[in-house]
Amino acid sequence: MCFRSGIRVWRLVFCVVVALIAIPRGGAVAQITIEQAAKTLDGLSDRTRLERLETAARKEGRIRWAATTNLGYAQPVMNGFKKKYPSIEVEFDRVSGRVLTDRIVREYRAKQYNVDILGTSSITSLAVKEAGVVGSYKSPETGDMNSSIKDPNGFWVTHYVHVLGIVCNKSRLKTAVKEWKDFLDPKWKGDFSIDPERFQWFHALRGIYGDEEAKKLITGYVQNGAQIRRGGTLQVQLVAAGEYACALGIYLGSAYPTLKTGAPLAFFAPEPILLSPDIQMIAKYPPHPYAAILFYDYLLSTEGLSHLTRNSALYPTRPNLVTVPEIKALQGKPIHFIDVEDQSRNFEKNREMYLSLLKK
């Protein structure tokens, strides 16, 4: 002990200086890795594991979740968790994937550890993984998930999935839409839009048709007068208002709120149905490791995921989840899941190719 009776002044000063040095600057000091925290729970029965996890998480009392996740999706999940664990606060920071990646990599290099859970698009997954920012944790909640939607070593897992398709104004609809190639027909000339930043859509088209056919498809759209519009929600609004007939590469989740209002919209999902994943990762050095594990497990649980699928048009990542009718109608049909790491690894090539085609 530093503060004993009769202590000399110089020893008191020394103790104060040591204490000040130990105070973290701009971020939590790393204590244990997520792997070390998870290991303390190994071998326990499900009930004992959960009891120990809940006790440790309540002592930590906080979780920091930084994600690209729309607040409309995140809030119901946080509300459900808060109802279950009222003594644990969830701090949510909505930020774009690129900004989040740059920020957290920079913080880790400075040995600052501020985030427990990271939610991002597939595009930035490899950057944070290769920078050593995320840890390996295999949640027991991922056991019934398809192997294609989770990392085999536990570095990431798909939280929810967007369906990419075509939204059309019913009153402007010329004929039923069945394929992406339909919009090469001159009857659609100048009456549809595509997004200049829907890179994952182009990546999926390459996976289905091959590079050359996918490039011909985009070039054909441009030559057929496709309007270049940025933003899925804006495109849905313009289609609903009758500005043009259809918009391609739109998330069903973006169109769903407008569909629910009774707007004259129809959504088409050409087969194989394109599924674009949004993933969650757990930090290598989470400042609240046990609360992080508890929240991560909740995000992926049937209870946690149901907050999303029963109210939003998102494709389920595990069986037996309640879904909205628009999603239910698509289940069981052929799908094309956009590979997470392949998309990330080839992002720059995919981006440059897509943008160059829009200029032709």
Protein backbone atom coordinates (compact mmCIF):
# COMPACT_ATOMS: atom_id res chain seq x y z
CA MET A 1 0.00 0.00 0.00
CA CYS A 2 1.23 3.50 -0.85
CA PHE A 3 -0.79 5.37 1.75
CA ARG A 4 0.59 4.12 5.07
CA SER A 5 1.06 6.20 8.16
CA GLY A 6 4.42 7.90 8.24
CA ILE A 7 4.92 7.69 4.48
CA ARG A 8 7.50 10.05 3.13
CA VAL A 9 6.48 12.83 0.76
CA TRP A 10 8.59 11.53 -2.12
CA ARG A 11 6.87 8.14 -1.96
CA LEU A 12 3.49 9.83 -2.00
CA VAL A 13 4.44 11.81 -5.08
CA PHE A 14 5.74 8.65 -6.74
CA CYS A 15 2.45 6.83 -6.14
CA VAL A 16 0.40 9.71 -7.53
CA VAL A 17 2.55 9.85 -10.68
CA VAL A 18 2.18 6.09 -11.21
CA ALA A 19 -1.56 6.38 -10.77
CA LEU A 20 -1.76 9.20 -13.32
CA ILE A 21 0.29 7.24 -15.85
CA ALA A 22 -2.07 4.31 -15.48
CA ILE A 23 -5.12 6.37 -16.45
CA PRO A 24 -6.05 5.49 -20.07
CA ARG A 25 -5.74 8.28 -22.62
CA GLY A 26 -8.54 8.32 -25.21
CA GLY A 27 -9.46 4.67 -24.85
CA ALA A 28 -9.66 1.69 -22.55
CA VAL A 29 -6.47 -0.18 -21.62
CA ALA A 30 -6.44 -3.72 -23.00
CA GLN A 31 -7.01 -6.25 -20.24
CA ILE A 32 -7.90 -9.52 -21.93
CA THR A 33 -8.65 -10.56 -25.48
CA ILE A 34 -12.05 -11.82 -26.52
CA GLU A 35 -10.47 -15.27 -26.97
CA GLN A 36 -9.27 -15.25 -23.35
CA ALA A 37 -12.67 -14.15 -22.08
CA ALA A 38 -14.47 -16.83 -24.10
CA LYS A 39 -12.07 -19.50 -22.86
CA THR A 40 -13.18 -18.91 -19.25
CA LEU A 41 -16.66 -20.07 -20.33
CA ASP A 42 -15.51 -23.25 -22.07
CA GLY A 43 -16.77 -26.57 -20.78
CA LEU A 44 -19.67 -25.13 -18.81
CA SER A 45 -23.24 -26.30 -19.17
CA ASP A 46 -25.48 -23.89 -21.09
CA ARG A 47 -27.18 -22.77 -17.88
CA THR A 48 -23.97 -22.26 -15.88
CA ARG A 49 -22.32 -20.50 -18.81
CA LEU A 50 -25.18 -18.05 -19.13
CA GLU A 51 -25.30 -17.38 -15.38
CA ARG A 52 -21.57 -16.62 -15.21
CA LEU A 53 -21.74 -14.53 -18.37
CA GLU A 54 -24.68 -12.48 -17.08
CA THR A 55 -23.01 -11.91 -13.70
CA ALA A 56 -19.75 -10.71 -15.30
CA ALA A 57 -21.60 -8.57 -17.84
CA ARG A 58 -23.66 -6.83 -15.16
CA LYS A 59 -20.45 -5.93 -13.31
CA GLU A 60 -19.08 -4.35 -16.50
CA GLY A 61 -22.42 -2.61 -17.02
CA ARG A 62 -21.83 -1.30 -20.53
CA ILE A 63 -21.43 -2.22 -24.21
CA ARG A 64 -20.13 -0.06 -27.04
CA TRP A 65 -21.56 -0.99 -30.43
CA ALA A 66 -20.32 0.86 -33.52
CA ALA A 67 -22.04 -0.12 -36.75
CA THR A 68 -23.35 0.81 -40.15
CA THR A 69 -26.65 -0.69 -39.00
CA ASN A 70 -29.63 1.57 -39.62
CA LEU A 71 -30.99 2.96 -36.35
CA GLY A 72 -34.41 1.68 -37.35
CA TYR A 73 -32.96 -1.85 -37.23
CA ALA A 74 -30.69 -1.32 -34.23
CA GLN A 75 -33.16 0.35 -31.86
CA PRO A 76 -35.65 -2.55 -31.49
CA VAL A 77 -32.75 -4.93 -30.79
CA MET A 78 -31.30 -2.60 -28.15
CA ASN A 79 -34.73 -2.14 -26.60
CA GLY A 80 -35.18 -5.89 -26.34
CA PHE A 81 -31.75 -6.35 -24.78
CA LYS A 82 -32.32 -3.48 -22.36
CA LYS A 83 -35.63 -4.98 -21.26
CA LYS A 84 -33.85 -8.25 -20.54
CA TYR A 85 -30.77 -6.66 -18.91
CA PRO A 86 -31.82 -3.25 -17.53
CA SER A 87 -28.54 -2.72 -15.66
CA ILE A 88 -26.41 -2.91 -18.84
CA GLU A 89 -26.19 0.20 -21.02
CA VAL A 90 -25.75 -0.09 -24.78
CA GLU A 91 -23.91 2.82 -26.39
CA PHE A 92 -24.66 2.81 -30.14
CA ASP A 93 -22.66 4.76 -32.68
CA ARG A 94 -23.95 4.66 -36.26
CA VAL A 95 -21.11 5.27 -38.68
CA SER A 96 -20.26 4.32 -42.27
CA GLY A 97 -18.14 1.25 -42.85
CA ARG A 98 -15.15 3.13 -44.29
CA VAL A 99 -15.14 5.71 -41.51
CA LEU A 100 -15.48 3.03 -38.84
CA THR A 101 -12.69 0.95 -40.34
CA ASP A 102 -10.27 3.88 -40.62
CA ARG A 103 -11.09 5.03 -37.10
CA ILE A 104 -10.78 1.73 -35.29
CA VAL A 105 -7.59 0.67 -37.12
CA ARG A 106 -6.06 4.01 -36.19
CA GLU A 107 -7.13 3.55 -32.55
CA TYR A 108 -5.70 0.03 -32.34
CA ARG A 109 -2.37 1.22 -33.66
CA ALA A 110 -2.38 3.75 -30.82
CA LYS A 111 -3.39 0.96 -28.39
CA GLN A 112 -6.78 2.55 -27.74
CA TYR A 113 -9.65 0.13 -27.35
CA ASN A 114 -13.03 1.84 -27.40
CA VAL A 115 -15.39 -0.53 -29.21
CA ASP A 116 -16.83 -3.90 -28.20
CA ILE A 117 -18.91 -4.85 -31.24
CA LEU A 118 -18.40 -3.76 -34.86
CA GLY A 119 -21.14 -3.98 -37.45
CA THR A 120 -20.20 -3.29 -41.05
CA SER A 121 -20.73 -4.21 -44.67
CA SER A 122 -18.79 -7.00 -46.34
CA ILE A 123 -16.61 -4.47 -48.14
CA THR A 124 -14.51 -3.58 -45.09
CA SER A 125 -14.45 -7.01 -43.43
CA LEU A 126 -10.96 -8.04 -44.55
CA ALA A 127 -9.39 -4.68 -43.67
CA VAL A 128 -10.35 -4.91 -39.99
CA LYS A 129 -9.65 -8.63 -39.83
CA GLU A 130 -6.16 -8.30 -41.31
CA ALA A 131 -5.40 -5.29 -39.08
CA GLY A 132 -5.93 -7.45 -36.00
CA VAL A 133 -8.87 -5.37 -34.83
CA VAL A 134 -11.36 -8.23 -34.53
CA GLY A 135 -11.09 -11.38 -32.49
CA SER A 136 -12.18 -14.95 -32.97
CA TYR A 137 -15.36 -15.90 -31.15
CA LYS A 138 -17.77 -18.67 -32.18
CA SER A 139 -21.09 -17.80 -30.63
CA PRO A 140 -23.21 -20.83 -29.68
CA GLU A 141 -26.06 -19.00 -31.43
CA THR A 142 -24.46 -19.62 -34.83
CA GLY A 143 -24.73 -23.40 -34.64
CA ASP A 144 -27.73 -23.66 -36.98
CA MET A 145 -26.52 -21.00 -39.41
CA ASN A 146 -25.39 -22.01 -42.88
CA SER A 147 -21.60 -22.18 -43.19
CA SER A 148 -21.65 -19.67 -46.07
CA ILE A 149 -22.87 -16.84 -43.82
CA LYS A 150 -20.28 -17.08 -41.06
CA ASP A 151 -16.50 -17.18 -40.83
CA PRO A 152 -15.26 -20.70 -39.99
CA ASN A 153 -12.89 -19.25 -37.40
CA GLY A 154 -15.42 -16.93 -35.78
CA PHE A 155 -14.09 -13.59 -37.05
CA TRP A 156 -17.46 -12.46 -38.44
CA VAL A 157 -21.03 -13.57 -38.77
CA THR A 158 -23.93 -12.35 -40.88
CA HIS A 159 -26.43 -10.46 -38.74
CA TYR A 160 -29.07 -9.79 -41.35
CA VAL A 161 -29.39 -9.99 -45.12
CA HIS A 162 -30.73 -7.54 -47.69
CA VAL A 163 -32.62 -8.76 -50.75
CA LEU A 164 -31.55 -6.94 -53.92
CA GLY A 165 -34.20 -6.56 -56.59
CA ILE A 166 -36.27 -4.21 -58.72
CA VAL A 167 -38.95 -1.78 -57.58
CA CYS A 168 -41.51 -0.51 -60.08
CA ASN A 169 -44.44 1.87 -60.15
CA LYS A 170 -47.52 -0.25 -60.85
CA SER A 171 -49.15 2.44 -62.98
CA ARG A 172 -45.98 2.78 -65.10
CA LEU A 173 -45.29 -0.94 -65.32
CA LYS A 174 -45.17 -1.92 -68.98
CA THR A 175 -44.89 -5.70 -68.51
CA ALA A 176 -44.08 -8.09 -65.69
CA VAL A 177 -40.40 -8.09 -64.74
CA LYS A 178 -38.69 -11.47 -64.57
CA GLU A 179 -34.98 -10.97 -65.29
CA TRP A 180 -32.28 -8.34 -64.97
CA LYS A 181 -31.86 -8.56 -68.75
CA ASP A 182 -35.43 -7.34 -69.30
CA PHE A 183 -34.21 -3.75 -69.06
CA LEU A 184 -32.11 -4.08 -72.18
CA ASP A 185 -35.38 -3.97 -74.14
CA PRO A 186 -35.95 -0.58 -75.89
CA LYS A 187 -39.45 -0.36 -74.37
CA TRP A 188 -37.77 0.60 -71.07
CA LYS A 189 -35.54 3.25 -72.67
CA GLY A 190 -34.85 6.12 -70.26
CA ASP A 191 -37.54 4.91 -67.85
CA PHE A 192 -35.45 3.23 -65.13
CA SER A 193 -32.56 4.03 -62.80
CA ILE A 194 -29.42 2.42 -61.37
CA ASP A 195 -27.26 3.49 -58.44
CA PRO A 196 -23.61 4.49 -59.13
CA GLU A 197 -22.55 3.07 -55.76
CA ARG A 198 -24.39 -0.25 -55.76
CA PHE A 199 -21.10 -2.13 -56.08
CA GLN A 200 -22.28 -5.29 -54.33
CA TRP A 201 -25.08 -5.59 -56.87
CA PHE A 202 -22.59 -5.52 -59.75
CA HIS A 203 -20.39 -8.01 -57.86
CA ALA A 204 -23.38 -10.35 -57.61
CA LEU A 205 -24.18 -9.98 -61.32
CA ARG A 206 -20.58 -10.92 -62.11
CA GLY A 207 -20.98 -14.01 -59.93
CA ILE A 208 -24.13 -15.08 -61.76
CA TYR A 209 -23.36 -14.18 -65.38
CA GLY A 210 -19.55 -13.98 -65.44
CA ASP A 211 -17.51 -10.83 -66.03
CA GLU A 212 -18.17 -10.32 -69.71
CA GLU A 213 -21.93 -10.81 -69.55
CA ALA A 214 -22.20 -8.63 -66.44
CA LYS A 215 -20.27 -5.85 -68.18
CA LYS A 216 -22.50 -6.12 -71.24
CA LEU A 217 -25.52 -5.87 -68.97
CA ILE A 218 -24.42 -2.61 -67.33
CA THR A 219 -23.25 -1.14 -70.64
CA GLY A 220 -26.60 -2.11 -72.14
CA TYR A 221 -28.44 -0.32 -69.34
CA VAL A 222 -26.45 2.85 -69.96
CA GLN A 223 -27.07 2.67 -73.71
CA ASN A 224 -30.77 2.15 -73.01
CA GLY A 225 -30.91 5.46 -71.17
CA ALA A 226 -30.66 4.29 -67.54
CA GLN A 227 -30.85 7.26 -65.17
CA ILE A 228 -27.95 7.31 -62.73
CA ARG A 229 -29.34 8.06 -59.27
CA ARG A 230 -27.54 7.71 -55.98
CA GLY A 231 -29.41 6.39 -52.94
CA GLY A 232 -31.87 3.54 -52.70
CA THR A 233 -34.44 5.38 -50.62
CA LEU A 234 -34.44 8.35 -53.01
CA GLN A 235 -34.92 6.04 -56.00
CA VAL A 236 -37.87 4.35 -54.30
CA GLN A 237 -39.46 7.74 -53.66
CA LEU A 238 -38.97 8.82 -57.27
CA VAL A 239 -40.48 5.59 -58.57
CA ALA A 240 -43.43 5.93 -56.18
CA ALA A 241 -43.97 9.49 -57.45
CA GLY A 242 -43.96 8.27 -61.06
CA GLU A 243 -40.75 10.04 -62.12
CA TYR A 244 -39.77 6.86 -63.91
CA ALA A 245 -41.05 3.31 -64.02
CA CYS A 246 -38.46 1.21 -62.16
CA ALA A 247 -35.24 1.25 -60.15
CA LEU A 248 -32.74 -1.63 -60.25
CA GLY A 249 -30.49 -3.02 -57.51
CA ILE A 250 -32.78 -1.79 -54.71
CA TYR A 251 -32.91 -3.29 -51.23
CA LEU A 252 -36.33 -4.69 -50.43
CA GLY A 253 -35.74 -3.29 -46.93
CA SER A 254 -35.47 0.22 -48.41
CA ALA A 255 -38.70 -0.16 -50.37
CA TYR A 256 -40.68 -1.87 -47.61
CA PRO A 257 -41.64 1.22 -45.54
CA THR A 258 -43.06 2.88 -48.69
CA LEU A 259 -44.78 -0.34 -49.74
CA LYS A 260 -46.51 -0.44 -46.34
CA THR A 261 -48.02 3.00 -46.89
CA GLY A 262 -50.01 1.66 -49.84
CA ALA A 263 -47.91 3.41 -52.48
CA PRO A 264 -48.39 1.99 -56.01
CA LEU A 265 -45.20 -0.07 -55.89
CA ALA A 266 -44.28 -3.63 -56.85
CA PHE A 267 -41.03 -5.37 -55.92
CA PHE A 268 -39.47 -8.05 -58.10
CA ALA A 269 -36.60 -10.36 -57.14
CA PRO A 270 -35.16 -12.11 -60.21
CA GLU A 271 -33.86 -15.61 -59.53
CA PRO A 272 -31.46 -16.54 -58.16
CA ILE A 273 -32.41 -14.06 -55.47
CA LEU A 274 -29.47 -11.79 -54.61
CA LEU A 275 -28.68 -11.66 -50.90
CA SER A 276 -26.33 -8.98 -49.57
CA PRO A 277 -25.05 -9.57 -46.01
CA ASP A 278 -24.50 -7.12 -43.16
CA ILE A 279 -22.03 -8.58 -40.68
CA GLN A 280 -21.11 -8.23 -37.03
CA MET A 281 -17.69 -8.74 -35.48
CA ILE A 282 -16.40 -8.68 -31.94
CA ALA A 283 -13.31 -6.62 -31.13
CA LYS A 284 -9.99 -8.27 -30.31
CA TYR A 285 -9.67 -6.17 -27.14
CA PRO A 286 -13.22 -5.31 -26.10
CA PRO A 287 -13.32 -2.90 -23.13
CA HIS A 288 -16.27 -4.90 -21.77
CA PRO A 289 -15.52 -8.48 -22.88
CA TYR A 290 -18.28 -10.34 -21.05
CA ALA A 291 -20.97 -7.78 -21.81
CA ALA A 292 -19.76 -7.90 -25.41
CA ILE A 293 -20.20 -11.69 -25.56
CA LEU A 294 -23.64 -11.45 -23.95
CA PHE A 295 -24.80 -8.79 -26.42
CA TYR A 296 -23.23 -10.52 -29.44
CA ASP A 297 -25.02 -13.74 -28.54
CA TYR A 298 -28.27 -11.80 -28.15
CA LEU A 299 -27.86 -10.14 -31.57
CA LEU A 300 -27.66 -13.58 -33.18
CA SER A 301 -30.29 -15.33 -31.06
CA THR A 302 -33.79 -16.14 -32.29
CA GLU A 303 -35.11 -13.50 -29.91
CA GLY A 304 -32.67 -10.83 -31.05
CA LEU A 305 -33.07 -11.53 -34.77
CA SER A 306 -36.85 -11.63 -34.50
CA HIS A 307 -36.83 -7.92 -33.63
CA LEU A 308 -35.55 -7.41 -37.17
CA THR A 309 -37.30 -10.00 -39.29
CA ARG A 310 -40.84 -9.61 -37.97
CA ASN A 311 -40.92 -5.85 -38.62
CA SER A 312 -38.53 -5.32 -41.55
CA ALA A 313 -38.10 -6.88 -44.98
CA LEU A 314 -34.84 -8.67 -44.18
CA TYR A 315 -33.96 -12.22 -45.18
CA PRO A 316 -33.50 -14.49 -42.13
CA THR A 317 -30.08 -15.89 -41.22
CA ARG A 318 -31.38 -18.85 -39.25
CA PRO A 319 -34.46 -21.10 -39.45
CA ASN A 320 -37.80 -20.62 -37.69
CA LEU A 321 -37.76 -16.82 -37.64
CA VAL A 322 -40.98 -14.90 -38.20
CA THR A 323 -40.75 -12.85 -41.41
CA VAL A 324 -42.93 -10.29 -43.19
CA PRO A 325 -45.05 -11.66 -46.09
CA GLU A 326 -42.80 -10.09 -48.74
CA ILE A 327 -39.84 -12.13 -47.44
CA LYS A 328 -41.84 -15.27 -46.78
CA ALA A 329 -42.83 -15.33 -50.46
CA LEU A 330 -39.13 -15.52 -51.43
CA GLN A 331 -38.02 -18.27 -49.06
CA GLY A 332 -37.33 -21.60 -50.66
CA LYS A 333 -36.41 -20.06 -54.02
CA PRO A 334 -32.87 -20.29 -55.51
CA ILE A 335 -30.52 -17.76 -53.90
CA HIS A 336 -27.14 -16.21 -54.61
CA PHE A 337 -25.43 -15.17 -51.38
CA ILE A 338 -22.79 -12.51 -52.07
CA ASP A 339 -19.58 -13.92 -50.58
CA VAL A 340 -18.34 -11.70 -47.76
CA GLU A 341 -14.57 -11.99 -48.08
CA ASP A 342 -14.52 -12.32 -51.85
CA GLN A 343 -16.48 -9.07 -52.10
CA SER A 344 -14.07 -7.37 -49.71
CA ARG A 345 -10.94 -8.76 -51.39
CA ASN A 346 -12.03 -7.64 -54.86
CA PHE A 347 -13.77 -4.39 -53.94
CA GLU A 348 -11.44 -1.95 -55.68
CA LYS A 349 -11.38 -3.97 -58.90
CA ASN A 350 -15.17 -4.34 -58.79
CA ARG A 351 -15.68 -0.65 -58.05
CA GLU A 352 -13.39 0.57 -60.83
CA MET A 353 -14.96 -1.79 -63.35
CA TYR A 354 -18.51 -0.75 -62.46
CA LEU A 355 -17.81 2.99 -62.54
CA SER A 356 -16.00 2.73 -65.87
CA LEU A 357 -19.03 0.97 -67.38
CA LEU A 358 -21.36 3.75 -66.27
CA LYS A 359 -19.34 6.22 -68.35
CA LYS A 360 -19.71 4.30 -71.61
